Protein backbone atom coordinates (compact mmCIF):
# COMPACT_ATOMS: atom_id res chain seq x y z
CA MET A 1 70.73 147.00 43.07
CA GLN A 2 69.60 143.93 42.08
CA ILE A 3 65.81 142.67 42.66
CA GLU A 4 67.05 140.46 45.66
CA ASP A 5 68.12 143.32 47.70
CA PHE A 6 65.03 144.98 46.77
CA LYS A 7 62.95 142.07 48.02
CA LYS A 8 65.17 142.02 51.42
CA LEU A 9 65.00 145.63 51.71
CA GLU A 10 61.21 145.21 51.38
CA THR A 11 60.95 142.57 53.68
CA ASP A 12 62.81 143.76 56.33
CA ASP A 13 60.58 146.66 56.21
CA ILE A 14 57.43 144.15 56.78
CA LEU A 15 58.50 143.23 60.05
CA LYS A 16 59.47 146.52 61.16
CA LEU A 17 55.55 146.20 61.69
CA PRO A 18 53.97 144.76 64.05
CA TYR A 19 51.54 141.42 63.81
CA TYR A 20 48.79 141.30 65.15
CA HIS A 21 47.01 137.79 66.11
CA PHE A 22 43.52 137.77 67.20
CA ILE A 23 42.22 134.37 69.60
CA LYS A 24 38.92 133.96 71.16
CA VAL A 25 38.00 133.96 74.62
CA PRO A 26 35.25 133.34 76.46
CA PHE A 27 33.30 136.14 77.21
CA GLY A 28 30.20 134.81 79.55
CA ARG A 29 28.30 131.51 79.09
CA PHE A 30 27.77 131.51 75.55
CA PHE A 31 29.75 134.25 74.13
CA HIS A 32 33.29 134.95 73.10
CA LYS A 33 35.39 137.87 72.31
CA THR A 34 38.38 138.64 70.31
CA LYS A 35 41.28 139.78 72.10
CA LYS A 36 44.69 141.50 69.45
CA LEU A 37 47.75 140.08 70.70
CA GLU A 38 50.69 142.28 69.43
CA VAL A 39 53.73 141.05 68.25
CA LYS A 40 56.02 144.27 68.14
CA PRO A 41 59.09 144.64 66.51
CA LEU A 42 62.10 143.43 68.88
CA THR A 43 64.44 145.59 70.75
CA ILE A 44 67.11 145.16 72.81
CA GLY A 45 65.31 145.23 76.24
CA LYS A 46 62.84 142.59 75.01
CA TYR A 47 65.27 140.13 74.01
CA ILE A 48 66.97 140.55 77.35
CA GLU A 49 63.93 139.65 79.13
CA ILE A 50 63.29 136.45 77.09
CA ASP A 51 66.88 135.52 76.67
CA PRO A 52 67.35 133.31 79.63
CA TYR A 53 64.42 131.34 77.77
CA LEU A 54 65.71 131.62 74.25
CA ILE A 55 68.59 129.91 76.26
CA GLN A 56 66.28 126.29 77.88
CA ILE A 57 65.58 125.90 73.87
CA ALA A 58 68.45 124.11 71.80
CA LYS A 59 70.04 126.13 69.06
CA GLY A 60 69.53 123.26 66.78
CA ASP A 61 65.93 122.92 67.64
CA ILE A 62 65.24 126.86 66.95
CA LYS A 63 66.48 126.29 64.07
CA ALA A 64 64.41 122.87 63.27
CA MET A 65 61.47 125.36 63.76
CA ARG A 66 62.36 127.89 60.93
CA ILE A 67 63.36 125.26 58.43
CA ALA A 68 60.24 122.90 59.53
CA ALA A 69 58.27 126.45 59.08
CA GLU A 70 59.76 127.30 56.03
CA GLU A 71 59.33 123.89 54.49
CA ASN A 72 55.53 123.66 55.38
CA ASN A 73 56.79 120.46 57.66
CA PHE A 74 54.89 120.77 60.82
CA GLU A 75 54.99 116.96 61.75
CA GLU A 76 58.00 117.68 64.40
CA MET A 77 56.41 120.89 66.22
CA PRO A 78 54.05 119.54 68.58
CA GLU A 79 57.00 117.01 69.91
CA LEU A 80 59.04 120.38 70.06
CA PHE A 81 56.40 122.34 71.08
CA ALA A 82 55.74 120.21 74.24
CA LYS A 83 59.61 119.62 74.73
CA TYR A 84 59.97 123.80 75.40
CA GLY A 85 56.44 124.49 76.39
CA GLN A 86 56.95 126.45 79.52
CA PRO A 87 59.94 129.10 78.00
CA ILE A 88 57.98 129.07 74.79
CA ILE A 89 54.98 130.44 76.89
CA SER A 90 56.76 132.79 79.01
CA ILE A 91 58.55 134.41 75.73
CA ILE A 92 55.19 135.06 74.04
CA LYS A 93 54.07 136.47 77.72
CA ILE A 94 56.75 138.65 77.96
CA ILE A 95 56.74 140.07 73.96
CA THR A 96 52.75 140.34 73.39
CA SER A 97 51.88 140.73 77.12
CA ALA A 98 49.10 137.94 77.11
CA THR A 99 47.62 136.86 80.55
CA ASP A 100 47.73 133.25 82.08
CA GLU A 101 43.57 133.07 80.45
CA ASP A 102 44.47 133.87 77.20
CA ILE A 103 47.47 131.13 77.61
CA LYS A 104 44.81 128.96 78.59
CA VAL A 105 42.67 129.42 75.15
CA MET A 106 45.60 129.46 72.54
CA THR A 107 45.54 126.95 70.52
CA PHE A 108 48.38 125.01 69.22
CA TRP A 109 48.71 126.92 66.19
CA ASP A 110 47.59 130.52 67.37
CA THR A 111 51.69 129.64 69.64
CA TYR A 112 53.05 128.24 66.64
CA ILE A 113 51.79 131.28 64.67
CA ILE A 114 53.13 133.70 67.38
CA PHE A 115 56.27 131.95 68.11
CA MET A 116 57.63 131.78 64.66
CA SER A 117 56.56 136.00 64.62
CA ILE A 118 58.84 136.40 66.79
CA LEU A 119 61.69 134.21 65.54
CA ALA A 120 61.32 136.34 62.21
CA ARG A 121 62.17 139.55 63.87
CA MET A 122 64.97 138.21 65.62
CA GLY A 123 66.20 137.75 62.06
CA GLN A 124 65.95 141.01 60.56
CA LYS A 125 68.92 143.00 59.55
CA SER A 126 67.62 145.84 62.29
CA PHE A 127 67.61 143.79 64.93
CA LYS A 128 70.97 142.06 64.33
CA MET A 129 72.47 144.57 64.12
CA SER A 130 71.41 146.34 67.48
CA ILE A 131 71.88 142.96 68.78
CA ILE A 132 75.85 143.49 67.33
CA THR A 133 75.41 146.81 69.51
CA GLY A 134 74.17 145.69 72.39
CA SER A 135 76.45 142.26 72.76
CA VAL A 136 79.79 144.96 72.58
CA VAL A 137 78.13 146.29 75.80
CA SER A 138 76.87 143.02 76.82
CA ARG A 139 78.62 140.96 79.59
CA ASN A 140 77.58 137.63 77.82
CA GLN A 141 79.40 136.24 75.31
CA GLU A 142 78.45 133.03 73.13
CA SER A 143 80.85 130.65 74.75
CA GLU A 144 79.07 131.76 78.65
CA ILE A 145 75.80 131.36 76.66
CA ILE A 146 76.82 128.28 75.16
CA ALA A 147 77.70 127.13 79.50
CA ALA A 148 74.54 128.92 80.60
CA GLN A 149 72.25 126.37 78.15
CA GLN A 150 74.26 123.34 78.56
CA TYR A 151 74.23 123.92 82.33
CA LEU A 152 70.83 124.48 82.58
CA THR A 153 70.32 121.33 79.84
CA GLN A 154 71.87 119.28 82.51
CA SER A 155 70.21 120.75 85.88
CA ILE A 156 66.58 120.53 84.60
CA SER A 157 67.22 116.67 83.67
């Protein structure tokens, strides 16, 4: 086994662990309490729940978000997040079980980090294999997803 293969296995194992993100929520007049939002490893069921929202985000823009995160180039991020604010918030609510009050107090960086951790979990090998298995029994094929995405984009604008 080459060292690159070993590192990849290690990365997949890390992504199987939940990611915890802490936000400060108001508690009383002068105090804040810390709330823990958990991004668990994704399952097919969770993917099916967030799929309608992922379809609303263009594939190229998701790729741009990932590339920008890898290169620490955050200049376009606020613009992309403003463009896809509602789908991103819906995905975060589904995955972390965040409430509306949690979303109101989250900063842009909170939203960004949580969404990127969700996308990272979608890139792991075990999740990809579960999606391949799920797609065998699913009614949605890539051409149908692309058509739905184009329809949503046209109907919104």
